[in-house]
Amino acid sequence: MKFLLDANVELRLAHLLTAEGHDVKTIALDYPANLKDYEVLSLALQKQRILITNDSDFGELIIRQQRRHHGVILFRLKNTHDISLKFRLLKEMLRKHKANLREYFVVTPKGVRMRKTRTSEAA
């Protein structure tokens, strides 16, 4: 799978995903600094990458503004830097929702919520 990690996501997660065979790019290392959220979302869509973020502002862009995307995974964890928990939850989510990864997901310790949204295939 192809992922784009937002600037607020730990680079360690990129290394773990790469070790699992995924194609991973990060805003922090691979793109210009200070991209706006809508630019990050647009970049992920253009490059056909699932965006992984800790930033709930993407919900505003996707739900309220109905911006197109290629799939977004938002982590809502109290300790967003617990990489082992995050990686375990992500692997479980990817396994369970493999057929729907082009949607908007919110991952919490209690589970995963999927919301049907305007993906890149939508008109």
PDB file of N, CA and C in Angstrom:
ATOM      1  N   MET A   1       0.841  -1.175   0.000  1.00  0.00           N
ATOM      2  CA  MET A   1       0.000   0.000   0.000  1.00  0.00           C
ATOM      3  C   MET A   1       0.885   1.237   0.000  1.00  0.00           C
ATOM      4  N   LYS A   2       0.316   2.314  -0.490  1.00  0.00           N
ATOM      5  CA  LYS A   2       1.052   3.572  -0.553  1.00  0.00           C
ATOM      6  C   LYS A   2       0.483   4.535   0.494  1.00  0.00           C
ATOM      7  N   PHE A   3       1.378   5.059   1.338  1.00  0.00           N
ATOM      8  CA  PHE A   3       0.982   5.960   2.406  1.00  0.00           C
ATOM      9  C   PHE A   3       1.737   7.275   2.307  1.00  0.00           C
ATOM     10  N   LEU A   4       1.099   8.321   2.808  1.00  0.00           N
ATOM     11  CA  LEU A   4       1.734   9.617   3.033  1.00  0.00           C
ATOM     12  C   LEU A   4       1.507   9.950   4.497  1.00  0.00           C
ATOM     13  N   LEU A   5       2.599  10.148   5.231  1.00  0.00           N
ATOM     14  CA  LEU A   5       2.499  10.491   6.651  1.00  0.00           C
ATOM     15  C   LEU A   5       2.575  11.995   6.810  1.00  0.00           C
ATOM     16  N   ASP A   6       1.580  12.549   7.472  1.00  0.00           N
ATOM     17  CA  ASP A   6       1.531  13.980   7.750  1.00  0.00           C
ATOM     18  C   ASP A   6       2.748  14.364   8.599  1.00  0.00           C
ATOM     19  N   ALA A   7       3.051  15.646   8.632  1.00  0.00           N
ATOM     20  CA  ALA A   7       4.219  16.144   9.366  1.00  0.00           C
ATOM     21  C   ALA A   7       4.150  15.831  10.855  1.00  0.00           C
ATOM     22  N   ASN A   8       2.942  15.630  11.398  1.00  0.00           N
ATOM     23  CA  ASN A   8       2.792  15.378  12.834  1.00  0.00           C
ATOM     24  C   ASN A   8       2.864  13.895  13.211  1.00  0.00           C
ATOM     25  N   VAL A   9       3.128  13.046  12.248  1.00  0.00           N
ATOM     26  CA  VAL A   9       3.216  11.599  12.501  1.00  0.00           C
ATOM     27  C   VAL A   9       4.690  11.215  12.632  1.00  0.00           C
ATOM     28  N   GLU A  10       4.972  10.413  13.633  1.00  0.00           N
ATOM     29  CA  GLU A  10       6.336  10.011  13.939  1.00  0.00           C
ATOM     30  C   GLU A  10       6.985   9.278  12.775  1.00  0.00           C
ATOM     31  N   LEU A  11       8.225   9.610  12.490  1.00  0.00           N
ATOM     32  CA  LEU A  11       8.960   8.945  11.425  1.00  0.00           C
ATOM     33  C   LEU A  11       9.158   7.460  11.717  1.00  0.00           C
ATOM     34  N   ARG A  12       9.143   7.099  12.986  1.00  0.00           N
ATOM     35  CA  ARG A  12       9.266   5.673  13.343  1.00  0.00           C
ATOM     36  C   ARG A  12       8.144   4.849  12.723  1.00  0.00           C
ATOM     37  N   LEU A  13       6.964   5.446  12.581  1.00  0.00           N
ATOM     38  CA  LEU A  13       5.855   4.729  11.957  1.00  0.00           C
ATOM     39  C   LEU A  13       6.170   4.466  10.484  1.00  0.00           C
ATOM     40  N   ALA A  14       6.798   5.420   9.825  1.00  0.00           N
ATOM     41  CA  ALA A  14       7.205   5.230   8.427  1.00  0.00           C
ATOM     42  C   ALA A  14       8.166   4.056   8.309  1.00  0.00           C
ATOM     43  N   HIS A  15       9.111   3.962   9.228  1.00  0.00           N
ATOM     44  CA  HIS A  15      10.081   2.867   9.194  1.00  0.00           C
ATOM     45  C   HIS A  15       9.396   1.519   9.411  1.00  0.00           C
ATOM     46  N   LEU A  16       8.444   1.477  10.335  1.00  0.00           N
ATOM     47  CA  LEU A  16       7.722   0.226  10.601  1.00  0.00           C
ATOM     48  C   LEU A  16       6.879  -0.194   9.394  1.00  0.00           C
ATOM     49  N   LEU A  17       6.208   0.761   8.765  1.00  0.00           N
ATOM     50  CA  LEU A  17       5.400   0.448   7.585  1.00  0.00           C
ATOM     51  C   LEU A  17       6.281  -0.001   6.419  1.00  0.00           C
ATOM     52  N   THR A  18       7.397   0.662   6.239  1.00  0.00           N
ATOM     53  CA  THR A  18       8.329   0.282   5.170  1.00  0.00           C
ATOM     54  C   THR A  18       8.849  -1.134   5.395  1.00  0.00           C
ATOM     55  N   ALA A  19       9.151  -1.460   6.634  1.00  0.00           N
ATOM     56  CA  ALA A  19       9.628  -2.810   6.961  1.00  0.00           C
ATOM     57  C   ALA A  19       8.574  -3.875   6.654  1.00  0.00           C
ATOM     58  N   GLU A  20       7.311  -3.479   6.659  1.00  0.00           N
ATOM     59  CA  GLU A  20       6.211  -4.399   6.337  1.00  0.00           C
ATOM     60  C   GLU A  20       5.964  -4.470   4.828  1.00  0.00           C
ATOM     61  N   GLY A  21       6.743  -3.722   4.042  1.00  0.00           N
ATOM     62  CA  GLY A  21       6.627  -3.774   2.586  1.00  0.00           C
ATOM     63  C   GLY A  21       5.800  -2.672   1.956  1.00  0.00           C
ATOM     64  N   HIS A  22       5.371  -1.688   2.735  1.00  0.00           N
ATOM     65  CA  HIS A  22       4.560  -0.596   2.199  1.00  0.00           C
ATOM     66  C   HIS A  22       5.442   0.502   1.603  1.00  0.00           C
ATOM     67  N   ASP A  23       4.883   1.249   0.681  1.00  0.00           N
ATOM     68  CA  ASP A  23       5.538   2.392   0.050  1.00  0.00           C
ATOM     69  C   ASP A  23       5.139   3.627   0.853  1.00  0.00           C
ATOM     70  N   VAL A  24       6.097   4.238   1.532  1.00  0.00           N
ATOM     71  CA  VAL A  24       5.786   5.322   2.462  1.00  0.00           C
ATOM     72  C   VAL A  24       6.579   6.581   2.120  1.00  0.00           C
ATOM     73  N   LYS A  25       5.879   7.693   2.050  1.00  0.00           N
ATOM     74  CA  LYS A  25       6.483   9.023   1.927  1.00  0.00           C
ATOM     75  C   LYS A  25       6.029   9.820   3.137  1.00  0.00           C
ATOM     76  N   THR A  26       6.842  10.793   3.537  1.00  0.00           N
ATOM     77  CA  THR A  26       6.486  11.630   4.674  1.00  0.00           C
ATOM     78  C   THR A  26       6.565  13.091   4.285  1.00  0.00           C
ATOM     79  N   ILE A  27       5.661  13.876   4.834  1.00  0.00           N
ATOM     80  CA  ILE A  27       5.713  15.317   4.614  1.00  0.00           C
ATOM     81  C   ILE A  27       7.009  15.874   5.189  1.00  0.00           C
ATOM     82  N   ALA A  28       7.415  15.377   6.341  1.00  0.00           N
ATOM     83  CA  ALA A  28       8.601  15.904   7.031  1.00  0.00           C
ATOM     84  C   ALA A  28       9.882  15.752   6.214  1.00  0.00           C
ATOM     85  N   LEU A  29      10.004  14.665   5.450  1.00  0.00           N
ATOM     86  CA  LEU A  29      11.253  14.407   4.731  1.00  0.00           C
ATOM     87  C   LEU A  29      11.173  14.575   3.223  1.00  0.00           C
ATOM     88  N   ASP A  30      10.013  14.347   2.656  1.00  0.00           N
ATOM     89  CA  ASP A  30       9.917  14.257   1.197  1.00  0.00           C
ATOM     90  C   ASP A  30       9.277  15.457   0.491  1.00  0.00           C
ATOM     91  N   TYR A  31       8.758  16.406   1.237  1.00  0.00           N
ATOM     92  CA  TYR A  31       8.044  17.525   0.627  1.00  0.00           C
ATOM     93  C   TYR A  31       8.433  18.839   1.308  1.00  0.00           C
ATOM     94  N   PRO A  32       8.118  19.959   0.665  1.00  0.00           N
ATOM     95  CA  PRO A  32       8.473  21.258   1.260  1.00  0.00           C
ATOM     96  C   PRO A  32       7.818  21.466   2.627  1.00  0.00           C
ATOM     97  N   ALA A  33       8.520  22.170   3.490  1.00  0.00           N
ATOM     98  CA  ALA A  33       7.994  22.469   4.831  1.00  0.00           C
ATOM     99  C   ALA A  33       6.797  23.408   4.740  1.00  0.00           C
ATOM    100  N   ASN A  34       5.981  23.366   5.772  1.00  0.00           N
ATOM    101  CA  ASN A  34       4.864  24.300   5.955  1.00  0.00           C
ATOM    102  C   ASN A  34       3.749  24.166   4.928  1.00  0.00           C
ATOM    103  N   LEU A  35       3.504  22.975   4.428  1.00  0.00           N
ATOM    104  CA  LEU A  35       2.348  22.784   3.557  1.00  0.00           C
ATOM    105  C   LEU A  35       1.085  22.931   4.390  1.00  0.00           C
ATOM    106  N   LYS A  36       0.087  23.557   3.826  1.00  0.00           N
ATOM    107  CA  LYS A  36      -1.221  23.681   4.479  1.00  0.00           C
ATOM    108  C   LYS A  36      -1.929  22.327   4.416  1.00  0.00           C
ATOM    109  N   ASP A  37      -2.875  22.114   5.319  1.00  0.00           N
ATOM    110  CA  ASP A  37      -3.592  20.835   5.358  1.00  0.00           C
ATOM    111  C   ASP A  37      -4.255  20.514   4.021  1.00  0.00           C
ATOM    112  N   TYR A  38      -4.878  21.497   3.381  1.00  0.00           N
ATOM    113  CA  TYR A  38      -5.544  21.219   2.110  1.00  0.00           C
ATOM    114  C   TYR A  38      -4.525  20.846   1.028  1.00  0.00           C
ATOM    115  N   GLU A  39      -3.294  21.368   1.129  1.00  0.00           N
ATOM    116  CA  GLU A  39      -2.245  21.007   0.179  1.00  0.00           C
ATOM    117  C   GLU A  39      -1.771  19.571   0.421  1.00  0.00           C
ATOM    118  N   VAL A  40      -1.675  19.179   1.676  1.00  0.00           N
ATOM    119  CA  VAL A  40      -1.294  17.805   2.020  1.00  0.00           C
ATOM    120  C   VAL A  40      -2.353  16.838   1.505  1.00  0.00           C
ATOM    121  N   LEU A  41      -3.616  17.161   1.712  1.00  0.00           N
ATOM    122  CA  LEU A  41      -4.713  16.303   1.254  1.00  0.00           C
ATOM    123  C   LEU A  41      -4.697  16.187  -0.273  1.00  0.00           C
ATOM    124  N   SER A  42      -4.479  17.294  -0.943  1.00  0.00           N
ATOM    125  CA  SER A  42      -4.415  17.312  -2.399  1.00  0.00           C
ATOM    126  C   SER A  42      -3.217  16.508  -2.918  1.00  0.00           C
ATOM    127  N   LEU A  43      -2.096  16.629  -2.247  1.00  0.00           N
ATOM    128  CA  LEU A  43      -0.896  15.884  -2.620  1.00  0.00           C
ATOM    129  C   LEU A  43      -1.124  14.383  -2.480  1.00  0.00           C
ATOM    130  N   ALA A  44      -1.735  13.972  -1.386  1.00  0.00           N
ATOM    131  CA  ALA A  44      -2.037  12.554  -1.179  1.00  0.00           C
ATOM    132  C   ALA A  44      -2.975  12.039  -2.272  1.00  0.00           C
ATOM    133  N   LEU A  45      -3.952  12.839  -2.650  1.00  0.00           N
ATOM    134  CA  LEU A  45      -4.884  12.455  -3.719  1.00  0.00           C
ATOM    135  C   LEU A  45      -4.139  12.335  -5.047  1.00  0.00           C
ATOM    136  N   GLN A  46      -3.349  13.333  -5.362  1.00  0.00           N
ATOM    137  CA  GLN A  46      -2.599  13.350  -6.616  1.00  0.00           C
ATOM    138  C   GLN A  46      -1.646  12.157  -6.717  1.00  0.00           C
ATOM    139  N   LYS A  47      -0.982  11.824  -5.627  1.00  0.00           N
ATOM    140  CA  LYS A  47      -0.013  10.727  -5.619  1.00  0.00           C
ATOM    141  C   LYS A  47      -0.652   9.378  -5.296  1.00  0.00           C
ATOM    142  N   GLN A  48      -1.973   9.383  -5.088  1.00  0.00           N
ATOM    143  CA  GLN A  48      -2.747   8.180  -4.759  1.00  0.00           C
ATOM    144  C   GLN A  48      -2.180   7.454  -3.545  1.00  0.00           C
ATOM    145  N   ARG A  49      -2.041   8.226  -2.454  1.00  0.00           N
ATOM    146  CA  ARG A  49      -1.527   7.706  -1.200  1.00  0.00           C
ATOM    147  C   ARG A  49      -2.573   7.891  -0.105  1.00  0.00           C
ATOM    148  N   ILE A  50      -2.645   6.935   0.788  1.00  0.00           N
ATOM    149  CA  ILE A  50      -3.515   7.047   1.957  1.00  0.00           C
ATOM    150  C   ILE A  50      -2.794   7.939   2.961  1.00  0.00           C
ATOM    151  N   LEU A  51      -3.464   8.978   3.401  1.00  0.00           N
ATOM    152  CA  LEU A  51      -2.879   9.916   4.351  1.00  0.00           C
ATOM    153  C   LEU A  51      -3.066   9.407   5.773  1.00  0.00           C
ATOM    154  N   ILE A  52      -1.984   9.416   6.548  1.00  0.00           N
ATOM    155  CA  ILE A  52      -2.051   9.083   7.967  1.00  0.00           C
ATOM    156  C   ILE A  52      -1.705  10.345   8.734  1.00  0.00           C
ATOM    157  N   THR A  53      -2.551  10.707   9.706  1.00  0.00           N
ATOM    158  CA  THR A  53      -2.369  11.961  10.429  1.00  0.00           C
ATOM    159  C   THR A  53      -2.815  11.845  11.880  1.00  0.00           C
ATOM    160  N   ASN A  54      -2.348  12.788  12.680  1.00  0.00           N
ATOM    161  CA  ASN A  54      -2.828  12.968  14.052  1.00  0.00           C
ATOM    162  C   ASN A  54      -3.683  14.233  14.144  1.00  0.00           C
ATOM    163  N   ASP A  55      -3.899  14.892  13.034  1.00  0.00           N
ATOM    164  CA  ASP A  55      -4.519  16.219  12.974  1.00  0.00           C
ATOM    165  C   ASP A  55      -6.009  16.118  12.638  1.00  0.00           C
ATOM    166  N   SER A  56      -6.860  16.414  13.608  1.00  0.00           N
ATOM    167  CA  SER A  56      -8.317  16.322  13.389  1.00  0.00           C
ATOM    168  C   SER A  56      -8.847  17.399  12.450  1.00  0.00           C
ATOM    169  N   ASP A  57      -8.029  18.383  12.080  1.00  0.00           N
ATOM    170  CA  ASP A  57      -8.474  19.398  11.127  1.00  0.00           C
ATOM    171  C   ASP A  57      -8.807  18.805   9.756  1.00  0.00           C
ATOM    172  N   PHE A  58      -8.267  17.648   9.451  1.00  0.00           N
ATOM    173  CA  PHE A  58      -8.591  17.020   8.172  1.00  0.00           C
ATOM    174  C   PHE A  58     -10.062  16.619   8.118  1.00  0.00           C
ATOM    175  N   GLY A  59     -10.670  16.376   9.268  1.00  0.00           N
ATOM    176  CA  GLY A  59     -12.104  16.090   9.301  1.00  0.00           C
ATOM    177  C   GLY A  59     -12.915  17.251   8.757  1.00  0.00           C
ATOM    178  N   GLU A  60     -12.508  18.467   9.079  1.00  0.00           N
ATOM    179  CA  GLU A  60     -13.167  19.673   8.553  1.00  0.00           C
ATOM    180  C   GLU A  60     -13.089  19.696   7.026  1.00  0.00           C
ATOM    181  N   LEU A  61     -11.917  19.426   6.489  1.00  0.00           N
ATOM    182  CA  LEU A  61     -11.736  19.444   5.032  1.00  0.00           C
ATOM    183  C   LEU A  61     -12.547  18.351   4.346  1.00  0.00           C
ATOM    184  N   ILE A  62     -12.572  17.184   4.948  1.00  0.00           N
ATOM    185  CA  ILE A  62     -13.203  16.033   4.306  1.00  0.00           C
ATOM    186  C   ILE A  62     -14.704  15.981   4.551  1.00  0.00           C
ATOM    187  N   ILE A  63     -15.127  16.182   5.774  1.00  0.00           N
ATOM    188  CA  ILE A  63     -16.548  16.060   6.111  1.00  0.00           C
ATOM    189  C   ILE A  63     -17.319  17.327   5.750  1.00  0.00           C
ATOM    190  N   ARG A  64     -16.871  18.449   6.245  1.00  0.00           N
ATOM    191  CA  ARG A  64     -17.623  19.692   6.016  1.00  0.00           C
ATOM    192  C   ARG A  64     -17.413  20.289   4.632  1.00  0.00           C
ATOM    193  N   GLN A  65     -16.153  20.336   4.185  1.00  0.00           N
ATOM    194  CA  GLN A  65     -15.857  20.938   2.880  1.00  0.00           C
ATOM    195  C   GLN A  65     -15.952  19.929   1.735  1.00  0.00           C
ATOM    196  N   GLN A  66     -16.108  18.669   2.072  1.00  0.00           N
ATOM    197  CA  GLN A  66     -16.259  17.574   1.109  1.00  0.00           C
ATOM    198  C   GLN A  66     -15.135  17.538   0.079  1.00  0.00           C
ATOM    199  N   ARG A  67     -13.918  17.743   0.547  1.00  0.00           N
ATOM    200  CA  ARG A  67     -12.765  17.664  -0.349  1.00  0.00           C
ATOM    201  C   ARG A  67     -12.474  16.207  -0.695  1.00  0.00           C
ATOM    202  N   ARG A  68     -12.046  16.014  -1.920  1.00  0.00           N
ATOM    203  CA  ARG A  68     -11.701  14.677  -2.387  1.00  0.00           C
ATOM    204  C   ARG A  68     -10.406  14.216  -1.746  1.00  0.00           C
ATOM    205  N   HIS A  69     -10.265  12.906  -1.635  1.00  0.00           N
ATOM    206  CA  HIS A  69      -9.070  12.320  -1.038  1.00  0.00           C
ATOM    207  C   HIS A  69      -8.902  10.897  -1.535  1.00  0.00           C
ATOM    208  N   HIS A  70      -7.797  10.290  -1.150  1.00  0.00           N
ATOM    209  CA  HIS A  70      -7.511   8.910  -1.556  1.00  0.00           C
ATOM    210  C   HIS A  70      -7.546   7.963  -0.357  1.00  0.00           C
ATOM    211  N   GLY A  71      -8.084   8.433   0.728  1.00  0.00           N
ATOM    212  CA  GLY A  71      -8.144   7.671   1.966  1.00  0.00           C
ATOM    213  C   GLY A  71      -7.382   8.409   3.050  1.00  0.00           C
ATOM    214  N   VAL A  72      -7.993   8.492   4.231  1.00  0.00           N
ATOM    215  CA  VAL A  72      -7.364   9.183   5.359  1.00  0.00           C
ATOM    216  C   VAL A  72      -7.554   8.355   6.610  1.00  0.00           C
ATOM    217  N   ILE A  73      -6.473   8.222   7.372  1.00  0.00           N
ATOM    218  CA  ILE A  73      -6.508   7.539   8.664  1.00  0.00           C
ATOM    219  C   ILE A  73      -6.087   8.550   9.718  1.00  0.00           C
ATOM    220  N   LEU A  74      -7.040   8.907  10.581  1.00  0.00           N
ATOM    221  CA  LEU A  74      -6.789   9.863  11.660  1.00  0.00           C
ATOM    222  C   LEU A  74      -6.655   9.104  12.970  1.00  0.00           C
ATOM    223  N   PHE A  75      -5.540   9.304  13.640  1.00  0.00           N
ATOM    224  CA  PHE A  75      -5.352   8.727  14.972  1.00  0.00           C
ATOM    225  C   PHE A  75      -5.855   9.705  16.013  1.00  0.00           C
ATOM    226  N   ARG A  76      -6.755   9.229  16.872  1.00  0.00           N
ATOM    227  CA  ARG A  76      -7.243  10.013  18.008  1.00  0.00           C
ATOM    228  C   ARG A  76      -6.876   9.255  19.262  1.00  0.00           C
ATOM    229  N   LEU A  77      -5.638   9.438  19.673  1.00  0.00           N
ATOM    230  CA  LEU A  77      -5.111   8.755  20.846  1.00  0.00           C
ATOM    231  C   LEU A  77      -4.633   9.798  21.840  1.00  0.00           C
ATOM    232  N   LYS A  78      -4.834   9.539  23.116  1.00  0.00           N
ATOM    233  CA  LYS A  78      -4.357  10.485  24.137  1.00  0.00           C
ATOM    234  C   LYS A  78      -2.845  10.637  24.065  1.00  0.00           C
ATOM    235  N   ASN A  79      -2.148   9.518  23.957  1.00  0.00           N
ATOM    236  CA  ASN A  79      -0.698   9.552  23.804  1.00  0.00           C
ATOM    237  C   ASN A  79      -0.382   9.217  22.351  1.00  0.00           C
ATOM    238  N   THR A  80      -0.373  10.241  21.502  1.00  0.00           N
ATOM    239  CA  THR A  80      -0.177  10.013  20.074  1.00  0.00           C
ATOM    240  C   THR A  80       1.219   9.528  19.745  1.00  0.00           C
ATOM    241  N   HIS A  81       2.126   9.554  20.700  1.00  0.00           N
ATOM    242  CA  HIS A  81       3.499   9.138  20.423  1.00  0.00           C
ATOM    243  C   HIS A  81       3.794   7.709  20.877  1.00  0.00           C
ATOM    244  N   ASP A  82       2.774   6.964  21.302  1.00  0.00           N
ATOM    245  CA  ASP A  82       2.958   5.556  21.669  1.00  0.00           C
ATOM    246  C   ASP A  82       2.982   4.749  20.373  1.00  0.00           C
ATOM    247  N   ILE A  83       4.172   4.627  19.807  1.00  0.00           N
ATOM    248  CA  ILE A  83       4.315   4.046  18.475  1.00  0.00           C
ATOM    249  C   ILE A  83       3.903   2.587  18.411  1.00  0.00           C
ATOM    250  N   SER A  84       4.131   1.815  19.474  1.00  0.00           N
ATOM    251  CA  SER A  84       3.748   0.406  19.438  1.00  0.00           C
ATOM    252  C   SER A  84       2.227   0.258  19.404  1.00  0.00           C
ATOM    253  N   LEU A  85       1.513   1.059  20.193  1.00  0.00           N
ATOM    254  CA  LEU A  85       0.050   1.036  20.159  1.00  0.00           C
ATOM    255  C   LEU A  85      -0.456   1.485  18.793  1.00  0.00           C
ATOM    256  N   LYS A  86       0.088   2.569  18.310  1.00  0.00           N
ATOM    257  CA  LYS A  86      -0.343   3.109  17.016  1.00  0.00           C
ATOM    258  C   LYS A  86      -0.131   2.079  15.899  1.00  0.00           C
ATOM    259  N   PHE A  87       1.033   1.443  15.882  1.00  0.00           N
ATOM    260  CA  PHE A  87       1.331   0.477  14.834  1.00  0.00           C
ATOM    261  C   PHE A  87       0.416  -0.744  14.942  1.00  0.00           C
ATOM    262  N   ARG A  88       0.169  -1.204  16.157  1.00  0.00           N
ATOM    263  CA  ARG A  88      -0.733  -2.351  16.348  1.00  0.00           C
ATOM    264  C   ARG A  88      -2.144  -2.018  15.873  1.00  0.00           C
ATOM    265  N   LEU A  89      -2.649  -0.848  16.255  1.00  0.00           N
ATOM    266  CA  LEU A  89      -3.991  -0.431  15.837  1.00  0.00           C
ATOM    267  C   LEU A  89      -4.075  -0.255  14.325  1.00  0.00           C
ATOM    268  N   LEU A  90      -3.011   0.300  13.737  1.00  0.00           N
ATOM    269  CA  LEU A  90      -2.989   0.497  12.293  1.00  0.00           C
ATOM    270  C   LEU A  90      -2.995  -0.834  11.550  1.00  0.00           C
ATOM    271  N   LYS A  91      -2.175  -1.768  11.980  1.00  0.00           N
ATOM    272  CA  LYS A  91      -2.134  -3.072  11.321  1.00  0.00           C
ATOM    273  C   LYS A  91      -3.490  -3.774  11.409  1.00  0.00           C
ATOM    274  N   GLU A  92      -4.112  -3.695  12.567  1.00  0.00           N
ATOM    275  CA  GLU A  92      -5.434  -4.313  12.752  1.00  0.00           C
ATOM    276  C   GLU A  92      -6.468  -3.641  11.851  1.00  0.00           C
ATOM    277  N   MET A  93      -6.431  -2.314  11.802  1.00  0.00           N
ATOM    278  CA  MET A  93      -7.360  -1.568  10.962  1.00  0.00           C
ATOM    279  C   MET A  93      -7.173  -1.899   9.482  1.00  0.00           C
ATOM    280  N   LEU A  94      -5.935  -1.957   9.026  1.00  0.00           N
ATOM    281  CA  LEU A  94      -5.663  -2.272   7.622  1.00  0.00           C
ATOM    282  C   LEU A  94      -6.158  -3.663   7.267  1.00  0.00           C
ATOM    283  N   ARG A  95      -6.002  -4.586   8.172  1.00  0.00           N
ATOM    284  CA  ARG A  95      -6.459  -5.960   7.944  1.00  0.00           C
ATOM    285  C   ARG A  95      -7.983  -6.031   7.862  1.00  0.00           C
ATOM    286  N   LYS A  96      -8.656  -5.389   8.784  1.00  0.00           N
ATOM    287  CA  LYS A  96     -10.114  -5.468   8.853  1.00  0.00           C
ATOM    288  C   LYS A  96     -10.823  -4.661   7.769  1.00  0.00           C
ATOM    289  N   HIS A  97     -10.204  -3.580   7.332  1.00  0.00           N
ATOM    290  CA  HIS A  97     -10.883  -2.656   6.407  1.00  0.00           C
ATOM    291  C   HIS A  97     -10.198  -2.559   5.056  1.00  0.00           C
ATOM    292  N   LYS A  98      -9.493  -3.597   4.681  1.00  0.00           N
ATOM    293  CA  LYS A  98      -8.698  -3.591   3.454  1.00  0.00           C
ATOM    294  C   LYS A  98      -9.501  -3.169   2.223  1.00  0.00           C
ATOM    295  N   ALA A  99     -10.744  -3.553   2.146  1.00  0.00           N
ATOM    296  CA  ALA A  99     -11.575  -3.252   0.977  1.00  0.00           C
ATOM    297  C   ALA A  99     -12.079  -1.804   0.954  1.00  0.00           C
ATOM    298  N   ASN A 100     -11.939  -1.084   2.060  1.00  0.00           N
ATOM    299  CA  ASN A 100     -12.512   0.268   2.147  1.00  0.00           C
ATOM    300  C   ASN A 100     -11.485   1.347   2.458  1.00  0.00           C
ATOM    301  N   LEU A 101     -10.227   1.121   2.171  1.00  0.00           N
ATOM    302  CA  LEU A 101      -9.186   2.051   2.604  1.00  0.00           C
ATOM    303  C   LEU A 101      -9.238   3.420   1.938  1.00  0.00           C
ATOM    304  N   ARG A 102     -10.113   3.605   0.978  1.00  0.00           N
ATOM    305  CA  ARG A 102     -10.242   4.904   0.326  1.00  0.00           C
ATOM    306  C   ARG A 102     -11.209   5.823   1.081  1.00  0.00           C
ATOM    307  N   GLU A 103     -11.646   5.413   2.254  1.00  0.00           N
ATOM    308  CA  GLU A 103     -12.573   6.208   3.058  1.00  0.00           C
ATOM    309  C   GLU A 103     -11.828   6.961   4.157  1.00  0.00           C
ATOM    310  N   TYR A 104     -12.590   7.627   5.008  1.00  0.00           N
ATOM    311  CA  TYR A 104     -12.051   8.402   6.122  1.00  0.00           C
ATOM    312  C   TYR A 104     -12.223   7.581   7.389  1.00  0.00           C
ATOM    313  N   PHE A 105     -11.115   7.290   8.070  1.00  0.00           N
ATOM    314  CA  PHE A 105     -11.124   6.471   9.272  1.00  0.00           C
ATOM    315  C   PHE A 105     -10.639   7.269  10.471  1.00  0.00           C
ATOM    316  N   VAL A 106     -11.264   7.016  11.597  1.00  0.00           N
ATOM    317  CA  VAL A 106     -10.795   7.554  12.872  1.00  0.00           C
ATOM    318  C   VAL A 106     -10.452   6.354  13.744  1.00  0.00           C
ATOM    319  N   VAL A 107      -9.200   6.297  14.168  1.00  0.00           N
ATOM    320  CA  VAL A 107      -8.699   5.173  14.964  1.00  0.00           C
ATOM    321  C   VAL A 107      -8.515   5.640  16.400  1.00  0.00           C
ATOM    322  N   THR A 108      -9.190   4.948  17.320  1.00  0.00           N
ATOM    323  CA  THR A 108      -9.083   5.242  18.746  1.00  0.00           C
ATOM    324  C   THR A 108      -8.742   3.943  19.475  1.00  0.00           C
ATOM    325  N   PRO A 109      -8.366   4.028  20.742  1.00  0.00           N
ATOM    326  CA  PRO A 109      -8.112   2.783  21.487  1.00  0.00           C
ATOM    327  C   PRO A 109      -9.344   1.879  21.574  1.00  0.00           C
ATOM    328  N   LYS A 110     -10.531   2.460  21.455  1.00  0.00           N
ATOM    329  CA  LYS A 110     -11.776   1.683  21.552  1.00  0.00           C
ATOM    330  C   LYS A 110     -12.188   1.051  20.235  1.00  0.00           C
ATOM    331  N   GLY A 111     -11.579   1.478  19.139  1.00  0.00           N
ATOM    332  CA  GLY A 111     -11.943   0.895  17.857  1.00  0.00           C
ATOM    333  C   GLY A 111     -11.746   1.857  16.701  1.00  0.00           C
ATOM    334  N   VAL A 112     -12.320   1.467  15.573  1.00  0.00           N
ATOM    335  CA  VAL A 112     -12.174   2.216  14.334  1.00  0.00           C
ATOM    336  C   VAL A 112     -13.554   2.616  13.827  1.00  0.00           C
ATOM    337  N   ARG A 113     -13.673   3.888  13.459  1.00  0.00           N
ATOM    338  CA  ARG A 113     -14.909   4.363  12.825  1.00  0.00           C
ATOM    339  C   ARG A 113     -14.582   4.706  11.374  1.00  0.00           C
ATOM    340  N   MET A 114     -15.419   4.247  10.458  1.00  0.00           N
ATOM    341  CA  MET A 114     -15.254   4.567   9.048  1.00  0.00           C
ATOM    342  C   MET A 114     -16.404   5.457   8.617  1.00  0.00           C
ATOM    343  N   ARG A 115     -16.065   6.469   7.860  1.00  0.00           N
ATOM    344  CA  ARG A 115     -17.097   7.360   7.348  1.00  0.00           C
ATOM    345  C   ARG A 115     -16.972   7.417   5.834  1.00  0.00           C
ATOM    346  N   LYS A 116     -18.061   7.101   5.156  1.00  0.00           N
ATOM    347  CA  LYS A 116     -18.094   7.197   3.698  1.00  0.00           C
ATOM    348  C   LYS A 116     -18.009   8.675   3.336  1.00  0.00           C
ATOM    349  N   THR A 117     -17.093   8.989   2.437  1.00  0.00           N
ATOM    350  CA  THR A 117     -16.865  10.379   2.057  1.00  0.00           C
ATOM    351  C   THR A 117     -16.637  10.494   0.571  1.00  0.00           C
ATOM    352  N   ARG A 118     -16.292  11.674   0.160  1.00  0.00           N
ATOM    353  CA  ARG A 118     -16.015  11.955  -1.246  1.00  0.00           C
ATOM    354  C   ARG A 118     -14.575  11.563  -1.566  1.00  0.00           C
ATOM    355  N   THR A 119     -14.395  10.388  -2.103  1.00  0.00           N
ATOM    356  CA  THR A 119     -13.059   9.911  -2.438  1.00  0.00           C
ATOM    357  C   THR A 119     -12.691  10.351  -3.835  1.00  0.00           C
ATOM    358  N   SER A 120     -11.534   9.966  -4.284  1.00  0.00           N
ATOM    359  CA  SER A 120     -11.072  10.352  -5.610  1.00  0.00           C
ATOM    360  C   SER A 120     -11.932   9.763  -6.710  1.00  0.00           C
ATOM    361  N   GLU A 121     -12.665   8.694  -6.430  1.00  0.00           N
ATOM    362  CA  GLU A 121     -13.522   8.082  -7.447  1.00  0.00           C
ATOM    363  C   GLU A 121     -14.869   8.789  -7.547  1.00  0.00           C
ATOM    364  N   ALA A 122     -15.188   9.619  -6.565  1.00  0.00           N
ATOM    365  CA  ALA A 122     -16.490  10.309  -6.573  1.00  0.00           C
ATOM    366  C   ALA A 122     -16.494  11.402  -7.634  1.00  0.00           C
ATOM    367  N   ALA A 123     -17.669  11.717  -8.082  1.00  0.00           N
ATOM    368  CA  ALA A 123     -17.804  12.759  -9.111  1.00  0.00           C
ATOM    369  C   ALA A 123     -17.546  14.140  -8.562  1.00  0.00           C
TER     370      ALA A 123
END
